[in-house]
Amino acid sequence: MAVLARRRETPNVLGGLLGWVYLAITILPIYYIVVTSIRPRSTYYSENPLSWPATPTLEAYRQVLAADFGRYFLNSVIVTAVSVAAVVFFSLLAAYVIVRNRSKLTRRMFNLLLLGIAIPLQGVIIPVYYLIVQVGLYDTLWAIILPSIGFAIPITVLILVNFLRDVPGELFESMRLDGATDWRMLWTLVVPLSRPAIVTVAVYDALNVWNGFLFPLILTQSSSMRTLPLSLWSFQGAFTVNVPAILAAVVLSVLPILAAYAVGRRQLVSGLTAGFGK
């Protein structure tokens, strides 16, 4: 028994070293981006790229903010907030119907909805562009919002359906006997119990919409309708030799996603497990 105890207490040196190597590989690019964003442009090529700047400055951030970054940021916030709210709302309604209604029609509609996961965005961008132009929404934020909602609903419904199937049916039956309607069961039972899954799909969809590049590129043309991914692309042309300014724009564009993850990190893991565990 003593020999077994000593074996169990033997540290995994190789695993620890590999973990530190992976951590360094992950953190090093982030460190480089942050450090370079506060490095003066005049010393970018003369200093060690991984050293702390001798004279840190926020000049790169001031240049980015002066280049209409606030407008692009607001556009991305509007597109992401509206898209995620609509996706979560309609997907939750669809998931509730799919779980509670076991008719053949509902199952067939669910299977048809899941086909949307297999449709590549790049393969249907031309029909989407044609429809947006025909309805008169080209070069508006709605041209980005509506397709983003349509392509996010299938995977969101799948995650919520798998989570709602774990909710005991006795809870629904007891509320039904008390005279509760479907709307009351949805908002007082389903929403509180499925909060981890809702947070998961909200963060996942927000990440996809926030980083979306193809829809803003194809469905808008004026600078006032640009979102952050498209603005970063334009910044590369405006700040071609000003690398600190480009990386400052990258840092500013990532901060909202980090904030969303920080808020929902506790329920994110449980929601992902419920959604993909089957």
C-alpha atoms as a PDB file:
ATOM      1  CA  MET A   1       0.000   0.000   0.000  1.00  0.00           C
ATOM      2  CA  ALA A   2       2.881   2.362   0.788  1.00  0.00           C
ATOM      3  CA  VAL A   3       4.418   1.684  -2.636  1.00  0.00           C
ATOM      4  CA  LEU A   4       1.092   2.440  -4.334  1.00  0.00           C
ATOM      5  CA  ALA A   5       0.725   5.652  -2.350  1.00  0.00           C
ATOM      6  CA  ARG A   6       4.209   6.803  -3.401  1.00  0.00           C
ATOM      7  CA  ARG A   7       3.409   6.041  -7.040  1.00  0.00           C
ATOM      8  CA  ARG A   8       0.210   8.071  -6.871  1.00  0.00           C
ATOM      9  CA  GLU A   9       2.068  11.029  -5.361  1.00  0.00           C
ATOM     10  CA  THR A  10       4.718  11.056  -8.103  1.00  0.00           C
ATOM     11  CA  PRO A  11       4.296  14.323 -10.005  1.00  0.00           C
ATOM     12  CA  ASN A  12       3.704  14.232 -13.738  1.00  0.00           C
ATOM     13  CA  VAL A  13       6.743  16.252 -14.751  1.00  0.00           C
ATOM     14  CA  LEU A  14       6.297  15.720 -18.481  1.00  0.00           C
ATOM     15  CA  GLY A  15       2.635  16.712 -18.358  1.00  0.00           C
ATOM     16  CA  GLY A  16       3.481  19.813 -16.358  1.00  0.00           C
ATOM     17  CA  LEU A  17       6.182  20.869 -18.796  1.00  0.00           C
ATOM     18  CA  LEU A  18       3.890  20.351 -21.770  1.00  0.00           C
ATOM     19  CA  GLY A  19       1.220  22.398 -20.004  1.00  0.00           C
ATOM     20  CA  TRP A  20       3.638  25.294 -19.471  1.00  0.00           C
ATOM     21  CA  VAL A  21       4.779  25.084 -23.097  1.00  0.00           C
ATOM     22  CA  TYR A  22       1.165  25.219 -24.294  1.00  0.00           C
ATOM     23  CA  LEU A  23       0.480  28.164 -21.971  1.00  0.00           C
ATOM     24  CA  ALA A  24       3.500  30.032 -23.328  1.00  0.00           C
ATOM     25  CA  ILE A  25       2.466  29.376 -26.930  1.00  0.00           C
ATOM     26  CA  THR A  26      -1.017  30.690 -26.149  1.00  0.00           C
ATOM     27  CA  ILE A  27       0.000  33.774 -24.173  1.00  0.00           C
ATOM     28  CA  LEU A  28       2.963  34.872 -26.289  1.00  0.00           C
ATOM     29  CA  PRO A  29       0.904  36.222 -29.262  1.00  0.00           C
ATOM     30  CA  ILE A  30      -1.474  38.000 -26.877  1.00  0.00           C
ATOM     31  CA  TYR A  31       1.466  39.549 -25.034  1.00  0.00           C
ATOM     32  CA  TYR A  32       3.009  40.665 -28.326  1.00  0.00           C
ATOM     33  CA  ILE A  33      -0.222  42.333 -29.474  1.00  0.00           C
ATOM     34  CA  VAL A  34      -0.751  44.210 -26.210  1.00  0.00           C
ATOM     35  CA  VAL A  35       2.881  45.296 -25.859  1.00  0.00           C
ATOM     36  CA  THR A  36       3.145  46.411 -29.482  1.00  0.00           C
ATOM     37  CA  SER A  37      -0.063  48.448 -29.209  1.00  0.00           C
ATOM     38  CA  ILE A  38       1.532  50.654 -26.534  1.00  0.00           C
ATOM     39  CA  ARG A  39       4.921  50.868 -28.269  1.00  0.00           C
ATOM     40  CA  PRO A  40       5.799  54.147 -30.038  1.00  0.00           C
ATOM     41  CA  ARG A  41       5.803  53.881 -33.794  1.00  0.00           C
ATOM     42  CA  SER A  42       9.274  55.414 -33.978  1.00  0.00           C
ATOM     43  CA  THR A  43      10.829  52.618 -31.882  1.00  0.00           C
ATOM     44  CA  TYR A  44       8.860  49.684 -33.286  1.00  0.00           C
ATOM     45  CA  TYR A  45      11.656  48.502 -35.579  1.00  0.00           C
ATOM     46  CA  SER A  46      14.538  49.325 -33.236  1.00  0.00           C
ATOM     47  CA  GLU A  47      13.349  47.669 -30.003  1.00  0.00           C
ATOM     48  CA  ASN A  48      13.050  43.998 -29.203  1.00  0.00           C
ATOM     49  CA  PRO A  49       9.474  43.058 -30.224  1.00  0.00           C
ATOM     50  CA  LEU A  50       8.985  41.038 -27.021  1.00  0.00           C
ATOM     51  CA  SER A  51      10.515  43.563 -24.620  1.00  0.00           C
ATOM     52  CA  TRP A  52       8.511  46.058 -22.619  1.00  0.00           C
ATOM     53  CA  PRO A  53       8.513  49.471 -24.368  1.00  0.00           C
ATOM     54  CA  ALA A  54      11.026  51.933 -23.016  1.00  0.00           C
ATOM     55  CA  THR A  55       8.466  54.739 -23.338  1.00  0.00           C
ATOM     56  CA  PRO A  56       4.920  53.263 -23.345  1.00  0.00           C
ATOM     57  CA  THR A  57       2.329  55.438 -25.014  1.00  0.00           C
ATOM     58  CA  LEU A  58      -1.358  55.384 -25.913  1.00  0.00           C
ATOM     59  CA  GLU A  59      -0.837  57.322 -29.118  1.00  0.00           C
ATOM     60  CA  ALA A  60      -1.845  54.320 -31.231  1.00  0.00           C
ATOM     61  CA  TYR A  61      -5.171  54.083 -29.390  1.00  0.00           C
ATOM     62  CA  ARG A  62      -5.800  57.795 -29.899  1.00  0.00           C
ATOM     63  CA  GLN A  63      -5.160  57.438 -33.614  1.00  0.00           C
ATOM     64  CA  VAL A  64      -7.569  54.515 -33.879  1.00  0.00           C
ATOM     65  CA  LEU A  65     -10.304  56.280 -31.926  1.00  0.00           C
ATOM     66  CA  ALA A  66      -9.884  59.339 -34.142  1.00  0.00           C
ATOM     67  CA  ALA A  67     -10.409  57.189 -37.265  1.00  0.00           C
ATOM     68  CA  ASP A  68     -14.173  56.660 -36.666  1.00  0.00           C
ATOM     69  CA  PHE A  69     -13.557  53.584 -34.517  1.00  0.00           C
ATOM     70  CA  GLY A  70     -16.486  54.574 -32.290  1.00  0.00           C
ATOM     71  CA  ARG A  71     -18.923  54.401 -35.206  1.00  0.00           C
ATOM     72  CA  TYR A  72     -17.698  50.957 -36.260  1.00  0.00           C
ATOM     73  CA  PHE A  73     -17.834  49.781 -32.665  1.00  0.00           C
ATOM     74  CA  LEU A  74     -21.425  50.992 -32.289  1.00  0.00           C
ATOM     75  CA  ASN A  75     -22.426  49.247 -35.530  1.00  0.00           C
ATOM     76  CA  SER A  76     -20.968  45.977 -34.280  1.00  0.00           C
ATOM     77  CA  VAL A  77     -22.724  46.351 -30.925  1.00  0.00           C
ATOM     78  CA  ILE A  78     -26.087  46.966 -32.623  1.00  0.00           C
ATOM     79  CA  VAL A  79     -25.687  44.076 -35.061  1.00  0.00           C
ATOM     80  CA  THR A  80     -24.525  41.659 -32.373  1.00  0.00           C
ATOM     81  CA  ALA A  81     -27.094  42.642 -29.727  1.00  0.00           C
ATOM     82  CA  VAL A  82     -30.093  42.526 -32.079  1.00  0.00           C
ATOM     83  CA  SER A  83     -28.957  39.298 -33.760  1.00  0.00           C
ATOM     84  CA  VAL A  84     -28.240  37.442 -30.524  1.00  0.00           C
ATOM     85  CA  ALA A  85     -31.476  38.591 -28.862  1.00  0.00           C
ATOM     86  CA  ALA A  86     -33.547  37.481 -31.853  1.00  0.00           C
ATOM     87  CA  VAL A  87     -31.711  34.166 -32.233  1.00  0.00           C
ATOM     88  CA  VAL A  88     -32.051  33.236 -28.566  1.00  0.00           C
ATOM     89  CA  PHE A  89     -35.728  34.249 -28.445  1.00  0.00           C
ATOM     90  CA  PHE A  90     -36.885  32.400 -31.552  1.00  0.00           C
ATOM     91  CA  SER A  91     -34.632  29.400 -30.945  1.00  0.00           C
ATOM     92  CA  LEU A  92     -35.953  29.009 -27.401  1.00  0.00           C
ATOM     93  CA  LEU A  93     -39.530  29.047 -28.697  1.00  0.00           C
ATOM     94  CA  ALA A  94     -38.680  26.493 -31.383  1.00  0.00           C
ATOM     95  CA  ALA A  95     -36.815  24.257 -28.930  1.00  0.00           C
ATOM     96  CA  TYR A  96     -39.753  24.301 -26.507  1.00  0.00           C
ATOM     97  CA  VAL A  97     -42.182  23.257 -29.244  1.00  0.00           C
ATOM     98  CA  ILE A  98     -39.859  20.518 -30.495  1.00  0.00           C
ATOM     99  CA  VAL A  99     -39.402  19.051 -27.023  1.00  0.00           C
ATOM    100  CA  ARG A 100     -43.022  19.313 -25.892  1.00  0.00           C
ATOM    101  CA  ASN A 101     -44.720  18.439 -29.195  1.00  0.00           C
ATOM    102  CA  ARG A 102     -43.788  14.932 -30.325  1.00  0.00           C
ATOM    103  CA  SER A 103     -45.807  14.816 -33.519  1.00  0.00           C
ATOM    104  CA  LYS A 104     -44.323  13.587 -36.792  1.00  0.00           C
ATOM    105  CA  LEU A 105     -44.630  17.033 -38.333  1.00  0.00           C
ATOM    106  CA  THR A 106     -42.572  18.556 -35.526  1.00  0.00           C
ATOM    107  CA  ARG A 107     -39.843  15.923 -35.909  1.00  0.00           C
ATOM    108  CA  ARG A 108     -39.706  16.471 -39.651  1.00  0.00           C
ATOM    109  CA  MET A 109     -39.489  20.226 -39.215  1.00  0.00           C
ATOM    110  CA  PHE A 110     -36.678  19.730 -36.695  1.00  0.00           C
ATOM    111  CA  ASN A 111     -34.780  17.500 -39.124  1.00  0.00           C
ATOM    112  CA  LEU A 112     -35.306  20.070 -41.868  1.00  0.00           C
ATOM    113  CA  LEU A 113     -34.043  22.825 -39.576  1.00  0.00           C
ATOM    114  CA  LEU A 114     -30.890  20.858 -38.828  1.00  0.00           C
ATOM    115  CA  LEU A 115     -30.020  20.863 -42.515  1.00  0.00           C
ATOM    116  CA  GLY A 116     -29.118  24.510 -42.050  1.00  0.00           C
ATOM    117  CA  ILE A 117     -26.034  23.441 -40.104  1.00  0.00           C
ATOM    118  CA  ALA A 118     -24.663  21.722 -43.205  1.00  0.00           C
ATOM    119  CA  ILE A 119     -25.169  24.741 -45.502  1.00  0.00           C
ATOM    120  CA  PRO A 120     -21.894  26.685 -45.889  1.00  0.00           C
ATOM    121  CA  LEU A 121     -22.175  30.427 -45.659  1.00  0.00           C
ATOM    122  CA  GLN A 122     -19.900  30.971 -48.653  1.00  0.00           C
ATOM    123  CA  GLY A 123     -22.039  28.719 -50.833  1.00  0.00           C
ATOM    124  CA  VAL A 124     -25.214  30.805 -50.488  1.00  0.00           C
ATOM    125  CA  ILE A 125     -23.798  34.319 -50.309  1.00  0.00           C
ATOM    126  CA  ILE A 126     -24.953  35.120 -53.874  1.00  0.00           C
ATOM    127  CA  PRO A 127     -28.646  34.217 -53.226  1.00  0.00           C
ATOM    128  CA  VAL A 128     -28.482  36.095 -49.931  1.00  0.00           C
ATOM    129  CA  TYR A 129     -27.066  39.148 -51.708  1.00  0.00           C
ATOM    130  CA  TYR A 130     -29.827  38.962 -54.338  1.00  0.00           C
ATOM    131  CA  LEU A 131     -32.581  38.740 -51.701  1.00  0.00           C
ATOM    132  CA  ILE A 132     -31.152  41.625 -49.668  1.00  0.00           C
ATOM    133  CA  VAL A 133     -30.989  43.823 -52.765  1.00  0.00           C
ATOM    134  CA  GLN A 134     -34.524  42.892 -53.845  1.00  0.00           C
ATOM    135  CA  VAL A 135     -36.058  43.809 -50.480  1.00  0.00           C
ATOM    136  CA  GLY A 136     -34.177  47.116 -50.416  1.00  0.00           C
ATOM    137  CA  LEU A 137     -31.978  46.434 -47.396  1.00  0.00           C
ATOM    138  CA  TYR A 138     -28.614  46.635 -49.126  1.00  0.00           C
ATOM    139  CA  ASP A 139     -26.051  48.811 -47.336  1.00  0.00           C
ATOM    140  CA  THR A 140     -27.974  48.824 -44.066  1.00  0.00           C
ATOM    141  CA  LEU A 141     -27.341  47.139 -40.730  1.00  0.00           C
ATOM    142  CA  TRP A 142     -30.416  44.975 -41.328  1.00  0.00           C
ATOM    143  CA  ALA A 143     -28.593  43.448 -44.292  1.00  0.00           C
ATOM    144  CA  ILE A 144     -26.123  42.026 -41.775  1.00  0.00           C
ATOM    145  CA  ILE A 145     -28.566  41.277 -38.961  1.00  0.00           C
ATOM    146  CA  LEU A 146     -31.151  39.199 -40.843  1.00  0.00           C
ATOM    147  CA  PRO A 147     -28.743  36.697 -42.477  1.00  0.00           C
ATOM    148  CA  SER A 148     -26.815  36.423 -39.213  1.00  0.00           C
ATOM    149  CA  ILE A 149     -30.036  35.430 -37.447  1.00  0.00           C
ATOM    150  CA  GLY A 150     -30.928  32.875 -40.112  1.00  0.00           C
ATOM    151  CA  PHE A 151     -27.570  31.113 -40.059  1.00  0.00           C
ATOM    152  CA  ALA A 152     -27.315  31.071 -36.250  1.00  0.00           C
ATOM    153  CA  ILE A 153     -30.737  29.567 -35.500  1.00  0.00           C
ATOM    154  CA  PRO A 154     -30.085  25.889 -36.502  1.00  0.00           C
ATOM    155  CA  ILE A 155     -27.125  25.255 -34.184  1.00  0.00           C
ATOM    156  CA  THR A 156     -28.760  27.286 -31.429  1.00  0.00           C
ATOM    157  CA  VAL A 157     -31.954  25.237 -31.630  1.00  0.00           C
ATOM    158  CA  LEU A 158     -29.923  22.011 -31.522  1.00  0.00           C
ATOM    159  CA  ILE A 159     -28.140  23.027 -28.318  1.00  0.00           C
ATOM    160  CA  LEU A 160     -31.330  24.196 -26.606  1.00  0.00           C
ATOM    161  CA  VAL A 161     -33.295  21.097 -27.651  1.00  0.00           C
ATOM    162  CA  ASN A 162     -30.663  18.764 -26.201  1.00  0.00           C
ATOM    163  CA  PHE A 163     -30.673  20.761 -22.985  1.00  0.00           C
ATOM    164  CA  LEU A 164     -34.469  20.949 -22.633  1.00  0.00           C
ATOM    165  CA  ARG A 165     -34.776  17.201 -23.101  1.00  0.00           C
ATOM    166  CA  ASP A 166     -32.989  16.800 -19.760  1.00  0.00           C
ATOM    167  CA  VAL A 167     -35.691  18.782 -17.947  1.00  0.00           C
ATOM    168  CA  PRO A 168     -37.942  16.258 -16.129  1.00  0.00           C
ATOM    169  CA  GLY A 169     -41.352  15.935 -17.755  1.00  0.00           C
ATOM    170  CA  GLU A 170     -42.978  15.744 -14.328  1.00  0.00           C
ATOM    171  CA  LEU A 171     -42.269  19.432 -13.816  1.00  0.00           C
ATOM    172  CA  PHE A 172     -44.233  20.325 -16.929  1.00  0.00           C
ATOM    173  CA  GLU A 173     -47.091  18.023 -15.960  1.00  0.00           C
ATOM    174  CA  SER A 174     -47.347  19.443 -12.453  1.00  0.00           C
ATOM    175  CA  MET A 175     -47.504  22.979 -13.797  1.00  0.00           C
ATOM    176  CA  ARG A 176     -50.065  21.891 -16.392  1.00  0.00           C
ATOM    177  CA  LEU A 177     -52.267  20.482 -13.607  1.00  0.00           C
ATOM    178  CA  ASP A 178     -52.018  23.814 -11.818  1.00  0.00           C
ATOM    179  CA  GLY A 179     -53.460  25.484 -14.909  1.00  0.00           C
ATOM    180  CA  ALA A 180     -50.239  26.963 -16.275  1.00  0.00           C
ATOM    181  CA  THR A 181     -50.198  27.890 -19.936  1.00  0.00           C
ATOM    182  CA  ASP A 182     -47.323  27.154 -22.307  1.00  0.00           C
ATOM    183  CA  TRP A 183     -46.114  30.740 -22.056  1.00  0.00           C
ATOM    184  CA  ARG A 184     -46.029  30.590 -18.277  1.00  0.00           C
ATOM    185  CA  MET A 185     -44.157  27.255 -18.298  1.00  0.00           C
ATOM    186  CA  LEU A 186     -41.712  28.683 -20.805  1.00  0.00           C
ATOM    187  CA  TRP A 187     -40.830  31.802 -18.800  1.00  0.00           C
ATOM    188  CA  THR A 188     -41.121  30.470 -15.239  1.00  0.00           C
ATOM    189  CA  LEU A 189     -39.739  26.951 -15.739  1.00  0.00           C
ATOM    190  CA  VAL A 190     -37.790  26.576 -18.959  1.00  0.00           C
ATOM    191  CA  VAL A 191     -35.897  29.874 -18.941  1.00  0.00           C
ATOM    192  CA  PRO A 192     -34.544  29.580 -15.345  1.00  0.00           C
ATOM    193  CA  LEU A 193     -33.555  25.926 -15.777  1.00  0.00           C
ATOM    194  CA  SER A 194     -31.961  26.436 -19.187  1.00  0.00           C
ATOM    195  CA  ARG A 195     -29.927  29.487 -18.220  1.00  0.00           C
ATOM    196  CA  PRO A 196     -26.560  27.694 -18.744  1.00  0.00           C
ATOM    197  CA  ALA A 197     -27.580  26.715 -22.280  1.00  0.00           C
ATOM    198  CA  ILE A 198     -28.915  30.201 -23.006  1.00  0.00           C
ATOM    199  CA  VAL A 199     -25.657  31.784 -21.849  1.00  0.00           C
ATOM    200  CA  THR A 200     -23.708  29.292 -23.952  1.00  0.00           C
ATOM    201  CA  VAL A 201     -25.560  29.968 -27.183  1.00  0.00           C
ATOM    202  CA  ALA A 202     -25.596  33.717 -26.499  1.00  0.00           C
ATOM    203  CA  VAL A 203     -21.810  33.850 -26.109  1.00  0.00           C
ATOM    204  CA  TYR A 204     -21.269  31.499 -29.058  1.00  0.00           C
ATOM    205  CA  ASP A 205     -23.578  33.437 -31.362  1.00  0.00           C
ATOM    206  CA  ALA A 206     -22.205  36.778 -30.206  1.00  0.00           C
ATOM    207  CA  LEU A 207     -18.689  35.619 -31.013  1.00  0.00           C
ATOM    208  CA  ASN A 208     -19.696  34.520 -34.509  1.00  0.00           C
ATOM    209  CA  VAL A 209     -21.667  37.672 -35.290  1.00  0.00           C
ATOM    210  CA  TRP A 210     -19.062  40.007 -33.794  1.00  0.00           C
ATOM    211  CA  ASN A 211     -16.296  38.424 -35.877  1.00  0.00           C
ATOM    212  CA  GLY A 212     -18.419  38.138 -39.016  1.00  0.00           C
ATOM    213  CA  PHE A 213     -16.614  39.507 -42.065  1.00  0.00           C
ATOM    214  CA  LEU A 214     -18.334  38.144 -45.168  1.00  0.00           C
ATOM    215  CA  PHE A 215     -21.782  39.698 -44.634  1.00  0.00           C
ATOM    216  CA  PRO A 216     -20.464  43.238 -43.966  1.00  0.00           C
ATOM    217  CA  LEU A 217     -18.082  42.925 -46.915  1.00  0.00           C
ATOM    218  CA  ILE A 218     -20.699  41.781 -49.448  1.00  0.00           C
ATOM    219  CA  LEU A 219     -23.903  43.386 -48.152  1.00  0.00           C
ATOM    220  CA  THR A 220     -22.625  46.890 -47.329  1.00  0.00           C
ATOM    221  CA  GLN A 221     -20.496  49.431 -49.136  1.00  0.00           C
ATOM    222  CA  SER A 222     -20.558  52.764 -47.287  1.00  0.00           C
ATOM    223  CA  SER A 223     -18.082  53.446 -44.497  1.00  0.00           C
ATOM    224  CA  SER A 224     -20.906  54.403 -42.109  1.00  0.00           C
ATOM    225  CA  MET A 225     -22.201  50.802 -42.193  1.00  0.00           C
ATOM    226  CA  ARG A 226     -18.882  49.118 -41.461  1.00  0.00           C
ATOM    227  CA  THR A 227     -18.506  46.780 -38.513  1.00  0.00           C
ATOM    228  CA  LEU A 228     -15.294  46.148 -36.598  1.00  0.00           C
ATOM    229  CA  PRO A 229     -13.964  43.191 -38.654  1.00  0.00           C
ATOM    230  CA  LEU A 230     -14.381  45.191 -41.854  1.00  0.00           C
ATOM    231  CA  SER A 231     -12.917  48.307 -40.224  1.00  0.00           C
ATOM    232  CA  LEU A 232      -9.838  46.340 -39.150  1.00  0.00           C
ATOM    233  CA  TRP A 233      -9.383  45.385 -42.779  1.00  0.00           C
ATOM    234  CA  SER A 234      -9.605  49.046 -43.797  1.00  0.00           C
ATOM    235  CA  PHE A 235      -7.230  50.055 -40.985  1.00  0.00           C
ATOM    236  CA  GLN A 236      -4.586  47.799 -42.514  1.00  0.00           C
ATOM    237  CA  GLY A 237      -4.706  50.055 -45.561  1.00  0.00           C
ATOM    238  CA  ALA A 238      -4.837  53.312 -43.609  1.00  0.00           C
ATOM    239  CA  PHE A 239      -2.118  52.318 -41.126  1.00  0.00           C
ATOM    240  CA  THR A 240       0.009  50.200 -43.445  1.00  0.00           C
ATOM    241  CA  VAL A 241       3.332  50.943 -41.748  1.00  0.00           C
ATOM    242  CA  ASN A 242       1.852  51.832 -38.356  1.00  0.00           C
ATOM    243  CA  VAL A 243       1.762  48.376 -36.806  1.00  0.00           C
ATOM    244  CA  PRO A 244       1.046  49.629 -33.237  1.00  0.00           C
ATOM    245  CA  ALA A 245      -2.129  51.369 -34.461  1.00  0.00           C
ATOM    246  CA  ILE A 246      -3.353  48.212 -36.224  1.00  0.00           C
ATOM    247  CA  LEU A 247      -2.786  46.093 -33.119  1.00  0.00           C
ATOM    248  CA  ALA A 248      -4.409  48.754 -30.940  1.00  0.00           C
ATOM    249  CA  ALA A 249      -7.536  48.394 -33.062  1.00  0.00           C
ATOM    250  CA  VAL A 250      -7.347  44.620 -32.582  1.00  0.00           C
ATOM    251  CA  VAL A 251      -7.144  45.024 -28.792  1.00  0.00           C
ATOM    252  CA  LEU A 252     -10.136  47.381 -28.713  1.00  0.00           C
ATOM    253  CA  SER A 253     -12.219  45.041 -30.882  1.00  0.00           C
ATOM    254  CA  VAL A 254     -11.531  42.031 -28.641  1.00  0.00           C
ATOM    255  CA  LEU A 255     -12.412  43.674 -25.316  1.00  0.00           C
ATOM    256  CA  PRO A 256     -16.241  43.260 -25.607  1.00  0.00           C
ATOM    257  CA  ILE A 257     -15.913  39.535 -26.329  1.00  0.00           C
ATOM    258  CA  LEU A 258     -13.628  39.095 -23.333  1.00  0.00           C
ATOM    259  CA  ALA A 259     -16.174  40.939 -21.193  1.00  0.00           C
ATOM    260  CA  ALA A 260     -18.995  38.683 -22.444  1.00  0.00           C
ATOM    261  CA  TYR A 261     -16.938  35.598 -21.637  1.00  0.00           C
ATOM    262  CA  ALA A 262     -16.048  36.915 -18.182  1.00  0.00           C
ATOM    263  CA  VAL A 263     -19.735  37.414 -17.382  1.00  0.00           C
ATOM    264  CA  GLY A 264     -20.886  33.995 -18.618  1.00  0.00           C
ATOM    265  CA  ARG A 265     -17.855  31.811 -17.949  1.00  0.00           C
ATOM    266  CA  ARG A 266     -19.406  30.017 -14.954  1.00  0.00           C
ATOM    267  CA  GLN A 267     -22.338  28.657 -16.943  1.00  0.00           C
ATOM    268  CA  LEU A 268     -20.531  28.274 -20.255  1.00  0.00           C
ATOM    269  CA  VAL A 269     -18.978  24.876 -19.550  1.00  0.00           C
ATOM    270  CA  SER A 270     -22.185  23.277 -18.255  1.00  0.00           C
ATOM    271  CA  GLY A 271     -24.122  24.625 -21.205  1.00  0.00           C
ATOM    272  CA  LEU A 272     -21.638  23.258 -23.740  1.00  0.00           C
ATOM    273  CA  THR A 273     -21.681  19.871 -22.015  1.00  0.00           C
ATOM    274  CA  ALA A 274     -25.483  19.737 -22.147  1.00  0.00           C
ATOM    275  CA  GLY A 275     -25.560  20.814 -25.777  1.00  0.00           C
ATOM    276  CA  PHE A 276     -22.961  18.411 -27.195  1.00  0.00           C
ATOM    277  CA  GLY A 277     -22.981  15.585 -24.706  1.00  0.00           C
ATOM    278  CA  LYS A 278     -25.420  13.405 -26.630  1.00  0.00           C
END
